[in-house]
């Protein structure tokens, strides 16, 4: 929170009229995302020796034209959002002219249209899902691989996004009695935070998720996964991810892996299951959510059931679903019917349209390996961002700042930055192979040219070391540079 406030302090110090209205701003992430383009605009204005505030449509247009072709395609769109934020939330009247400028809006749209086309992750094939189930129940398989495979199967049958599956709690089985097949009943879980919850009321409600226990095989993969989860002593509890990241020490972390890392794990598992690199290359975390929904769409189930299974609602359905308490029941039974038809080889969703429902005369009722497109939803993996330009602008616009002033001197050669998250870490020793937090210093990290004046974001474990007084030195004494410097 402090870092976001420091960014806006740098902006507000240039435009004092914003100060009175600043307290209206809301979410922390919104503060960061709205401040970042303005920081870069202020840095540009300083270089051009022009006033950044009050907003000038002419100056903003010149800045936009200079950025076009050099910045991320979404940057100018973000700049327009920041200008709108200043007008509507912070009361900057000078922003209205820029908001209404056709040429400024035009250059922002032209820049955004250079963004690469949205790439939809294909659903998993039926054979992929089958082999993942067999991997989970295989007693000879690696236990960590079996646990990770079970997590992705949970995401497949729950039709959940990667973030939804990570936020599941109270996962349990609802078995019928008697249960002659041993695979009857349902899996149930509650999701504390969901991407589909837009209103304040829905954000404070648990999203119930239900899936059939019987998948594509006749194996009880969920019971096997629950036992492996227990054997591996995976942390379970409120606020803990279902699939934690794995530390370099081999222990479970308290945070989940990023979507890109998890997608790499999924592709690695599929390769171990016998699929080629070509067959796995397009698969991502969103493939899991798309799988059952894609099968149901190809089967031709009702659009209402498709919406319910995907946890979406039409405006007229909301009241009925709130008061019915279990509106998903009938739709899950429809999904059970689709899975049953796949098991009986009466429905082949991986074939082309003409072969979805093979007849007894078909010579080959097998499944093509290549899947088709998933639902129209953005993948959760990292999007591009020209973070380096923001970091340069922050150093020139914002004051020197760190969450806690280091008590030991920092040198540039001690610092590395994660290429994806941009988080700063401290190298543990002269070898440069290990970070102070215990992570390995891999190609995912890059050295910094100089110590940033705006130290954010930083690894709390790495920087905890530089917050301590050097051993043997008086606590009140100022930090001294190492001998030989």
Protein backbone atom coordinates (compact mmCIF):
# COMPACT_ATOMS: atom_id res chain seq x y z
CA UNK A 1 0.00 0.00 0.00
CA UNK A 2 2.82 2.40 0.88
CA UNK A 3 4.40 1.98 -2.56
CA UNK A 4 1.12 2.91 -4.30
CA UNK A 5 0.78 5.98 -2.07
CA UNK A 6 4.35 7.05 -2.85
CA UNK A 7 3.62 6.85 -6.56
CA UNK A 8 0.54 9.02 -6.21
CA UNK A 9 2.46 11.41 -3.96
CA UNK A 10 4.83 12.02 -6.86
CA UNK A 11 1.85 12.74 -9.12
CA UNK A 12 -0.03 14.90 -6.62
CA UNK A 13 3.04 17.01 -5.83
CA UNK A 14 2.89 18.14 -9.46
CA UNK A 15 -0.87 18.77 -9.43
CA UNK A 16 -2.02 20.12 -6.04
CA UNK A 17 -5.71 20.22 -6.99
CA UNK A 18 -5.70 16.42 -6.83
CA UNK A 19 -4.66 16.42 -3.18
CA UNK A 20 -8.11 17.25 -1.82
CA UNK A 21 -9.77 14.48 -3.79
CA UNK A 22 -7.07 11.83 -3.27
CA UNK A 23 -8.87 10.11 -0.41
CA UNK A 24 -11.62 8.94 -2.78
CA UNK A 25 -9.34 6.45 -4.51
CA UNK A 26 -9.99 2.80 -3.80
CA UNK A 27 -8.32 -0.53 -4.46
CA UNK A 28 -4.57 -0.89 -4.12
CA UNK A 29 -4.11 -2.46 -7.56
CA UNK A 30 -6.15 0.33 -9.11
CA UNK A 31 -3.89 2.92 -7.49
CA UNK A 32 -0.82 1.23 -8.93
CA UNK A 33 -2.21 0.72 -12.43
CA UNK A 34 -3.58 4.27 -12.71
CA UNK A 35 -0.41 5.91 -11.36
CA UNK A 36 2.08 4.06 -13.56
CA UNK A 37 1.22 5.72 -16.94
CA UNK A 38 1.11 9.16 -15.28
CA UNK A 39 4.58 8.61 -13.80
CA UNK A 40 5.92 8.00 -17.30
CA UNK A 41 4.08 11.04 -18.64
CA UNK A 42 5.59 13.25 -15.91
CA UNK A 43 9.08 11.94 -16.67
CA UNK A 44 8.57 12.75 -20.36
CA UNK A 45 7.27 16.24 -19.53
CA UNK A 46 10.34 16.91 -17.38
CA UNK A 47 12.63 15.94 -20.26
CA UNK A 48 10.68 18.21 -22.63
CA UNK A 49 10.68 21.03 -20.04
CA UNK A 50 6.89 21.39 -20.22
CA UNK A 51 4.35 21.41 -17.40
CA UNK A 52 2.71 18.01 -16.88
CA UNK A 53 -0.22 19.57 -14.98
CA UNK A 54 -2.78 20.92 -15.48
CA UNK A 55 -3.38 18.40 -18.24
CA UNK A 56 -2.73 19.76 -21.75
CA UNK A 57 -4.27 17.93 -24.67
CA UNK A 58 -1.45 19.13 -26.91
CA UNK A 59 1.26 17.80 -24.57
CA UNK A 60 -0.53 14.50 -24.03
CA UNK A 61 -0.92 14.05 -27.79
CA UNK A 62 2.77 14.73 -28.34
CA UNK A 63 3.62 12.19 -25.62
CA UNK A 64 1.28 9.61 -27.16
CA UNK A 65 2.76 10.08 -30.64
CA UNK A 66 6.28 9.63 -29.27
CA UNK A 67 5.27 6.48 -27.39
CA UNK A 68 3.40 4.92 -30.33
CA UNK A 69 5.44 2.11 -31.79
CA UNK A 70 7.82 2.04 -28.82
CA UNK A 71 5.52 1.11 -25.93
CA UNK A 72 3.36 -1.92 -25.19
CA UNK A 73 0.18 -1.87 -27.35
CA UNK A 74 -1.99 -1.47 -24.24
CA UNK A 75 0.02 1.40 -22.70
CA UNK A 76 -1.81 4.33 -24.32
CA UNK A 77 -5.15 2.75 -23.47
CA UNK A 78 -3.96 2.57 -19.85
CA UNK A 79 -2.93 6.23 -20.07
CA UNK A 80 -6.47 7.20 -21.17
CA UNK A 81 -7.87 5.19 -18.24
CA UNK A 82 -5.56 7.07 -15.86
CA UNK A 83 -6.70 10.41 -17.27
CA UNK A 84 -10.34 9.36 -16.85
CA UNK A 85 -9.54 8.23 -13.29
CA UNK A 86 -8.10 11.67 -12.49
CA UNK A 87 -11.22 13.38 -13.82
CA UNK A 88 -13.96 11.18 -12.33
CA UNK A 89 -12.35 10.10 -9.06
CA UNK A 90 -9.83 12.80 -8.22
CA UNK A 91 -11.68 15.75 -9.70
CA UNK A 92 -9.01 17.02 -12.14
CA UNK A 93 -11.10 19.23 -14.43
CA UNK A 94 -8.24 19.75 -16.89
CA UNK A 95 -8.46 16.05 -17.84
CA UNK A 96 -11.82 16.49 -19.59
CA UNK A 97 -10.34 18.04 -22.72
CA UNK A 98 -7.92 15.14 -23.10
CA UNK A 99 -10.70 12.60 -22.52
CA UNK A 100 -12.76 14.15 -25.33
CA UNK A 101 -9.85 14.52 -27.76
CA UNK A 102 -10.61 12.49 -30.89
CA UNK A 103 -6.98 12.44 -32.02
CA UNK A 104 -5.74 11.28 -28.61
CA UNK A 105 -8.36 8.53 -28.46
CA UNK A 106 -7.51 7.63 -32.06
CA UNK A 107 -3.79 7.17 -31.49
CA UNK A 108 -4.52 5.08 -28.37
CA UNK A 109 -6.84 2.82 -30.39
CA UNK A 110 -4.37 2.55 -33.27
CA UNK A 111 -1.64 1.53 -30.83
CA UNK A 112 -3.89 -1.04 -29.15
CA UNK A 113 -4.78 -2.63 -32.49
CA UNK A 114 -1.13 -3.65 -32.92
CA UNK A 115 -1.59 -6.02 -29.98
CA UNK A 116 -1.21 -9.64 -30.98
CA UNK A 117 -4.45 -11.50 -31.54
CA UNK A 118 -5.91 -13.18 -28.49
CA UNK A 119 -4.67 -16.74 -28.23
CA UNK A 120 -7.22 -19.14 -26.84
CA UNK A 121 -5.96 -22.24 -25.09
CA UNK A 122 -7.36 -25.46 -26.57
CA UNK A 123 -9.26 -27.85 -24.29
CA UNK A 124 -7.57 -31.04 -23.18
CA UNK A 125 -8.37 -34.07 -25.30
CA UNK A 126 -10.22 -37.03 -23.86
CA UNK A 127 -7.06 -39.15 -24.07
CA UNK A 128 -5.12 -36.51 -22.10
CA UNK A 129 -7.73 -36.55 -19.33
CA UNK A 130 -7.77 -40.35 -19.28
CA UNK A 131 -4.00 -40.59 -18.90
CA UNK A 132 -3.97 -37.95 -16.15
CA UNK A 133 -6.55 -40.03 -14.23
CA UNK A 134 -4.42 -43.16 -14.66
CA UNK A 135 -1.35 -41.25 -13.48
CA UNK A 136 -3.09 -40.16 -10.27
CA UNK A 137 -4.15 -43.70 -9.34
CA UNK A 138 -0.81 -45.27 -10.32
CA UNK A 139 0.99 -46.42 -7.17
CA UNK A 140 4.29 -46.53 -9.06
CA UNK A 141 4.12 -42.90 -10.18
CA UNK A 142 5.97 -40.03 -8.52
CA UNK A 143 3.80 -38.73 -5.67
CA UNK A 144 4.34 -35.05 -6.51
CA UNK A 145 3.39 -35.70 -10.14
CA UNK A 146 0.28 -37.56 -9.01
CA UNK A 147 -0.71 -34.69 -6.72
CA UNK A 148 -0.23 -32.05 -9.43
CA UNK A 149 -2.15 -34.16 -11.97
CA UNK A 150 -5.05 -34.50 -9.53
CA UNK A 151 -5.14 -30.73 -9.11
CA UNK A 152 -5.59 -30.25 -12.85
CA UNK A 153 -8.27 -32.96 -12.97
CA UNK A 154 -10.10 -31.11 -10.20
CA UNK A 155 -9.95 -27.98 -12.35
CA UNK A 156 -11.21 -29.93 -15.40
CA UNK A 157 -14.28 -31.46 -13.77
CA UNK A 158 -15.08 -28.40 -11.64
CA UNK A 159 -14.80 -26.23 -14.80
CA UNK A 160 -12.77 -23.78 -12.75
CA UNK A 161 -10.22 -21.19 -13.72
CA UNK A 162 -6.73 -21.70 -12.35
CA UNK A 163 -7.32 -19.01 -9.71
CA UNK A 164 -10.71 -20.50 -8.77
CA UNK A 165 -9.22 -23.96 -8.22
CA UNK A 166 -6.40 -22.49 -6.13
CA UNK A 167 -8.92 -20.70 -3.90
CA UNK A 168 -11.06 -23.79 -3.24
CA UNK A 169 -11.76 -24.70 0.35
CA UNK A 170 -13.92 -27.35 2.07
CA UNK A 171 -13.33 -29.88 -0.71
CA UNK A 172 -15.35 -33.03 0.04
CA UNK A 173 -17.18 -35.99 -1.50
CA UNK A 174 -20.93 -36.50 -1.50
CA UNK A 175 -21.42 -40.26 -2.02
CA UNK A 176 -24.79 -42.01 -2.35
CA UNK A 177 -25.70 -44.93 -0.15
CA UNK A 178 -25.56 -47.57 -1.39
CA UNK A 179 -22.95 -46.91 -4.09
CA UNK A 180 -22.69 -50.08 -6.22
CA UNK A 181 -20.11 -48.69 -8.66
CA UNK A 182 -18.00 -46.94 -6.03
CA UNK A 183 -17.87 -43.88 -8.28
CA UNK A 184 -21.30 -42.37 -7.70
CA UNK A 185 -21.96 -38.97 -6.20
CA UNK A 186 -20.29 -35.62 -6.52
CA UNK A 187 -17.29 -33.56 -5.54
CA UNK A 188 -18.07 -30.25 -3.86
CA UNK A 189 -16.02 -27.22 -2.86
CA UNK A 190 -16.42 -23.54 -2.02
CA UNK A 191 -14.42 -20.80 -3.73
CA UNK A 192 -13.62 -17.79 -1.60
CA UNK A 193 -12.67 -15.45 -4.46
CA UNK A 194 -13.81 -15.79 -8.04
CA UNK A 195 -13.14 -13.77 -11.17
CA UNK A 196 -16.86 -13.87 -12.03
CA UNK A 197 -17.82 -12.03 -8.81
CA UNK A 198 -18.19 -8.40 -9.86
CA UNK A 199 -20.48 -6.86 -7.26
CA UNK A 200 -19.59 -6.23 -3.63
CA UNK A 201 -22.31 -8.65 -2.52
CA UNK A 202 -21.01 -11.47 -4.70
CA UNK A 203 -17.41 -10.87 -3.61
CA UNK A 204 -18.48 -11.58 -0.02
CA UNK A 205 -20.23 -14.85 -0.92
CA UNK A 206 -18.68 -18.29 -1.36
CA UNK A 207 -19.07 -19.69 -4.87
CA UNK A 208 -20.17 -23.37 -4.61
CA UNK A 209 -18.59 -25.66 -7.21
CA UNK A 210 -19.84 -29.18 -7.97
CA UNK A 211 -18.45 -31.92 -10.22
CA UNK A 212 -19.28 -35.58 -10.91
CA UNK A 213 -17.00 -38.09 -9.15
CA UNK A 214 -17.03 -40.45 -12.14
CA UNK A 215 -14.69 -39.10 -14.80
CA UNK A 216 -13.71 -40.70 -18.11
CA UNK A 217 -12.08 -43.79 -16.63
CA UNK A 218 -13.47 -46.28 -14.13
CA UNK A 219 -10.80 -45.26 -11.59
CA UNK A 220 -11.43 -43.42 -8.31
CA UNK A 221 -8.87 -40.70 -8.99
CA UNK A 222 -10.18 -38.29 -6.33
CA UNK A 223 -9.72 -40.73 -3.42
CA UNK A 224 -6.20 -41.50 -4.67
CA UNK A 225 -5.43 -37.77 -4.98
CA UNK A 226 -6.75 -37.03 -1.47
CA UNK A 227 -4.49 -39.73 -0.03
CA UNK A 228 -1.43 -38.44 -1.90
CA UNK A 229 -2.23 -34.92 -0.72
CA UNK A 230 -2.28 -36.20 2.85
CA UNK A 231 0.92 -38.23 2.44
CA UNK A 232 2.81 -35.24 1.02
CA UNK A 233 1.61 -33.09 3.96
CA UNK A 234 0.40 -30.32 1.69
CA UNK A 235 -0.71 -27.35 3.85
CA UNK A 236 -4.50 -27.14 4.02
CA UNK A 237 -6.51 -24.30 5.51
CA UNK A 238 -8.14 -20.95 4.91
CA UNK A 239 -6.08 -18.75 2.62
CA UNK A 240 -3.76 -21.59 1.55
CA UNK A 241 -3.58 -22.56 -2.13
CA UNK A 242 -4.70 -26.04 -3.16
CA UNK A 243 -1.51 -26.38 -5.24
CA UNK A 244 1.33 -24.50 -3.51
CA UNK A 245 4.57 -23.51 -5.19
CA UNK A 246 7.59 -25.70 -4.49
CA UNK A 247 10.62 -24.05 -2.87
CA UNK A 248 14.19 -24.86 -3.89
CA UNK A 249 14.48 -26.73 -0.58
CA UNK A 250 11.71 -29.10 -1.73
CA UNK A 251 9.20 -27.79 0.81
CA UNK A 252 5.77 -26.37 0.02
CA UNK A 253 5.54 -22.59 -0.18
CA UNK A 254 2.71 -20.52 1.26
CA UNK A 255 1.81 -19.08 -2.14
CA UNK A 256 0.68 -20.64 -5.44
CA UNK A 257 2.92 -20.83 -8.52
CA UNK A 258 2.19 -18.34 -11.27
CA UNK A 259 -0.18 -19.43 -14.05
CA UNK A 260 2.75 -19.71 -16.48
CA UNK A 261 4.69 -21.98 -14.10
CA UNK A 262 1.61 -24.15 -13.50
CA UNK A 263 1.05 -24.39 -17.27
CA UNK A 264 4.63 -25.63 -17.61
CA UNK A 265 3.93 -28.30 -15.00
CA UNK A 266 0.82 -29.41 -16.88
CA UNK A 267 2.70 -29.68 -20.18
CA UNK A 268 5.50 -31.59 -18.45
CA UNK A 269 2.98 -34.10 -17.03
CA UNK A 270 1.42 -34.62 -20.45
CA UNK A 271 4.83 -35.29 -21.96
CA UNK A 272 5.47 -37.86 -19.22
CA UNK A 273 2.12 -39.43 -20.15
CA UNK A 274 3.39 -40.02 -23.69
CA UNK A 275 2.25 -36.94 -25.62
CA UNK A 276 4.60 -35.18 -28.01
CA UNK A 277 5.85 -31.61 -27.66
CA UNK A 278 3.65 -30.56 -30.58
CA UNK A 279 0.55 -31.95 -28.87
CA UNK A 280 1.35 -30.18 -25.58
CA UNK A 281 2.75 -26.85 -26.78
CA UNK A 282 -0.57 -24.96 -26.90
CA UNK A 283 -1.95 -26.31 -23.62
CA UNK A 284 -2.25 -23.86 -20.69
CA UNK A 285 -4.02 -23.54 -17.37
CA UNK A 286 -7.21 -22.27 -19.03
CA UNK A 287 -7.36 -25.49 -21.07
CA UNK A 288 -8.70 -27.19 -17.93
CA UNK A 289 -11.70 -24.89 -17.57
CA UNK A 290 -12.41 -25.09 -21.29
CA UNK A 291 -12.39 -28.91 -21.45
CA UNK A 292 -15.80 -29.98 -20.09
CA UNK A 293 -17.45 -26.80 -21.35
CA UNK A 294 -16.15 -27.52 -24.84
CA UNK A 295 -17.40 -31.12 -24.71
CA UNK A 296 -20.85 -29.96 -23.62
CA UNK A 297 -21.02 -27.31 -26.35
CA UNK A 298 -20.10 -29.89 -29.01
CA UNK A 299 -22.65 -32.30 -27.62
CA UNK A 300 -25.29 -29.58 -28.01
CA UNK A 301 -26.62 -29.10 -24.49
CA UNK A 302 -28.92 -26.18 -23.67
CA UNK A 303 -27.32 -22.71 -23.49
CA UNK A 304 -28.69 -22.25 -19.95
CA UNK A 305 -26.83 -25.36 -18.77
CA UNK A 306 -23.68 -24.17 -20.52
CA UNK A 307 -23.86 -20.85 -18.65
CA UNK A 308 -24.48 -22.52 -15.29
CA UNK A 309 -21.66 -25.02 -15.76
CA UNK A 310 -19.32 -22.14 -16.63
CA UNK A 311 -20.51 -20.15 -13.57
CA UNK A 312 -22.04 -17.38 -15.68
CA UNK A 313 -25.59 -16.07 -15.45
CA UNK A 314 -27.94 -14.11 -17.65
CA UNK A 315 -29.49 -11.01 -15.97
CA UNK A 316 -32.90 -12.68 -15.64
CA UNK A 317 -31.45 -15.79 -14.00
CA UNK A 318 -29.77 -14.17 -10.99
CA UNK A 319 -32.71 -13.99 -8.62
CA UNK A 320 -33.77 -17.59 -9.30
CA UNK A 321 -30.25 -18.88 -8.72
CA UNK A 322 -29.86 -16.98 -5.46
CA UNK A 323 -33.05 -18.40 -3.97
CA UNK A 324 -32.89 -21.91 -5.42
CA UNK A 325 -29.63 -22.54 -3.45
CA UNK A 326 -28.62 -25.43 -5.77
CA UNK A 327 -29.27 -24.27 -9.32
CA UNK A 328 -26.24 -26.19 -10.60
CA UNK A 329 -27.71 -29.64 -9.81
CA UNK A 330 -29.63 -30.22 -13.04
CA UNK A 331 -26.78 -28.87 -15.17
CA UNK A 332 -24.23 -31.16 -13.48
CA UNK A 333 -26.52 -34.11 -14.22
CA UNK A 334 -26.46 -33.05 -17.88
CA UNK A 335 -22.63 -33.05 -17.69
CA UNK A 336 -22.78 -36.56 -16.19
CA UNK A 337 -24.75 -37.67 -19.25
CA UNK A 338 -22.14 -36.21 -21.60
CA UNK A 339 -19.30 -37.97 -19.73
CA UNK A 340 -21.24 -41.24 -19.82
CA UNK A 341 -21.65 -41.00 -23.59
CA UNK A 342 -17.90 -40.40 -23.96
CA UNK A 343 -17.10 -43.45 -21.81
CA UNK A 344 -19.41 -45.58 -23.96
CA UNK A 345 -17.69 -44.25 -27.13
CA UNK A 346 -21.05 -42.87 -28.30
CA UNK A 347 -19.68 -39.31 -28.37
CA UNK A 348 -16.20 -38.37 -29.62
CA UNK A 349 -15.67 -34.65 -28.91
CA UNK A 350 -12.11 -34.64 -30.33
CA UNK A 351 -13.27 -35.66 -33.80
CA UNK A 352 -14.33 -33.18 -36.46
CA UNK A 353 -17.98 -32.10 -36.46
CA UNK A 354 -19.02 -34.90 -38.79
CA UNK A 355 -17.57 -37.49 -36.42
CA UNK A 356 -18.86 -36.31 -33.03
CA UNK A 357 -21.36 -39.18 -32.90
CA UNK A 358 -19.69 -42.23 -34.47
CA UNK A 359 -21.84 -45.11 -35.69
CA UNK A 360 -21.09 -48.82 -35.33
CA UNK A 361 -20.00 -48.88 -38.98
CA UNK A 362 -17.23 -46.30 -38.40
CA UNK A 363 -13.84 -47.88 -38.91
CA UNK A 364 -12.18 -45.48 -36.48
CA UNK A 365 -14.13 -44.07 -33.57
CA UNK A 366 -10.95 -42.77 -31.93
CA UNK A 367 -10.15 -39.22 -31.09
CA UNK A 368 -7.97 -36.67 -32.84
CA UNK A 369 -5.29 -35.30 -30.60
CA UNK A 370 -5.60 -31.67 -31.62
CA UNK A 371 -8.32 -29.74 -29.73
CA UNK A 372 -10.28 -26.74 -30.89
CA UNK A 373 -10.73 -23.34 -29.34
CA UNK A 374 -11.85 -22.82 -25.78
CA UNK A 375 -14.44 -20.42 -24.43
CA UNK A 376 -13.93 -16.73 -25.12
CA UNK A 377 -12.01 -15.88 -22.00
CA UNK A 378 -8.54 -14.43 -21.56
CA UNK A 379 -5.80 -16.73 -20.33
CA UNK A 380 -4.45 -15.95 -16.90
CA UNK A 381 -0.80 -16.12 -17.84
CA UNK A 382 1.41 -13.05 -17.89
CA UNK A 383 0.61 -10.21 -20.29
CA UNK A 384 3.30 -8.01 -21.75
CA UNK A 385 4.21 -4.78 -20.01
CA UNK A 386 7.05 -2.38 -20.62
CA UNK A 387 8.07 -2.33 -16.96
CA UNK A 388 11.58 -1.06 -17.59
CA UNK A 389 10.30 2.30 -18.86
CA UNK A 390 8.16 2.63 -15.74
CA UNK A 391 11.13 1.84 -13.49
CA UNK A 392 13.25 4.48 -15.23
CA UNK A 393 10.43 7.01 -14.90
CA UNK A 394 9.94 6.21 -11.20
CA UNK A 395 13.63 6.84 -10.48
CA UNK A 396 13.41 10.26 -12.11
CA UNK A 397 10.00 11.39 -10.81
CA UNK A 398 9.47 9.81 -7.38
CA UNK A 399 11.56 10.51 -4.29
CA UNK A 400 14.05 7.99 -2.96
CA UNK A 401 12.03 5.40 -1.07
CA UNK A 402 12.16 1.94 0.45
CA UNK A 403 9.68 0.22 2.76
CA UNK A 404 12.47 0.19 5.34
CA UNK A 405 15.76 2.03 4.97
CA UNK A 406 18.51 -0.59 4.52
CA UNK A 407 20.96 -0.59 7.44
CA UNK A 408 23.60 -2.17 5.25
CA UNK A 409 24.89 -0.51 2.07
CA UNK A 410 23.49 -1.97 -1.13
CA UNK A 411 25.58 -2.26 -4.29
CA UNK A 412 24.21 -2.83 -7.77
CA UNK A 413 26.17 -6.06 -8.17
CA UNK A 414 24.27 -7.49 -5.16
CA UNK A 415 20.84 -6.97 -6.73
CA UNK A 416 18.94 -8.92 -9.37
CA UNK A 417 15.39 -8.45 -10.65
CA UNK A 418 12.92 -11.16 -11.63
CA UNK A 419 12.19 -10.71 -15.35
CA UNK A 420 8.48 -11.54 -14.95
CA UNK A 421 7.43 -10.13 -11.55
CA UNK A 422 10.11 -7.35 -11.51
CA UNK A 423 10.76 -8.16 -7.84
CA UNK A 424 14.20 -7.22 -6.49
CA UNK A 425 16.30 -9.88 -4.77
CA UNK A 426 19.69 -9.86 -3.03
CA UNK A 427 22.43 -12.29 -4.12
CA UNK A 428 23.59 -14.45 -1.21
CA UNK A 429 27.33 -14.77 -1.99
CA UNK A 430 30.02 -14.02 -4.52
CA UNK A 431 29.19 -17.07 -6.63
CA UNK A 432 25.92 -15.43 -7.66
CA UNK A 433 24.16 -18.79 -7.93
CA UNK A 434 21.84 -18.46 -4.91
CA UNK A 435 19.63 -15.64 -3.66
CA UNK A 436 19.42 -14.69 0.01
CA UNK A 437 15.84 -16.03 0.15
CA UNK A 438 17.08 -19.49 -0.87
CA UNK A 439 15.95 -19.45 -4.50
CA UNK A 440 18.37 -20.38 -7.26
CA UNK A 441 19.55 -17.43 -9.36
CA UNK A 442 18.49 -18.71 -12.79
CA UNK A 443 18.04 -17.10 -16.19
CA UNK A 444 14.73 -15.75 -14.91
CA UNK A 445 16.70 -13.04 -13.08
CA UNK A 446 18.62 -10.11 -14.55
CA UNK A 447 21.25 -7.88 -12.96
CA UNK A 448 20.44 -4.21 -12.34
CA UNK A 449 22.68 -1.47 -13.73
CA UNK A 450 22.35 0.67 -10.59
CA UNK A 451 20.61 0.56 -7.24
CA UNK A 452 17.07 1.88 -7.88
CA UNK A 453 16.09 4.95 -5.90
CA UNK A 454 12.52 3.58 -5.67
CA UNK A 455 13.00 0.13 -4.13
CA UNK A 456 9.77 -1.66 -5.06
CA UNK A 457 8.76 -4.43 -5.22
CA UNK A 458 11.31 -6.26 -3.09
CA UNK A 459 11.60 -9.81 -1.74
CA UNK A 460 10.80 -9.56 1.97
CA UNK A 461 13.06 -12.51 2.83
CA UNK A 462 16.05 -11.12 0.92
CA UNK A 463 15.67 -7.60 2.26
CA UNK A 464 15.13 -8.78 5.83
CA UNK A 465 18.89 -9.36 5.87
CA UNK A 466 19.80 -5.80 4.91
CA UNK A 467 17.40 -4.43 7.55
CA UNK A 468 19.50 -5.98 10.33
CA UNK A 469 22.50 -4.24 11.81
CA UNK A 470 25.82 -5.79 10.76
CA UNK A 471 27.12 -8.24 13.36
CA UNK A 472 29.49 -6.67 15.85
CA UNK A 473 28.54 -3.07 15.04
CA UNK A 474 26.82 -0.72 17.52
CA UNK A 475 23.13 -0.35 16.76
CA UNK A 476 23.31 3.42 16.73
CA UNK A 477 26.39 3.63 14.55
CA UNK A 478 25.93 4.47 10.87
CA UNK A 479 26.47 1.73 8.33
CA UNK A 480 30.05 1.52 7.02
CA UNK A 481 30.99 0.25 3.58
CA UNK A 482 32.76 -3.12 3.48
CA UNK A 483 36.53 -3.13 3.67
CA UNK A 484 38.24 -2.76 0.33
CA UNK A 485 35.49 -0.59 -1.23
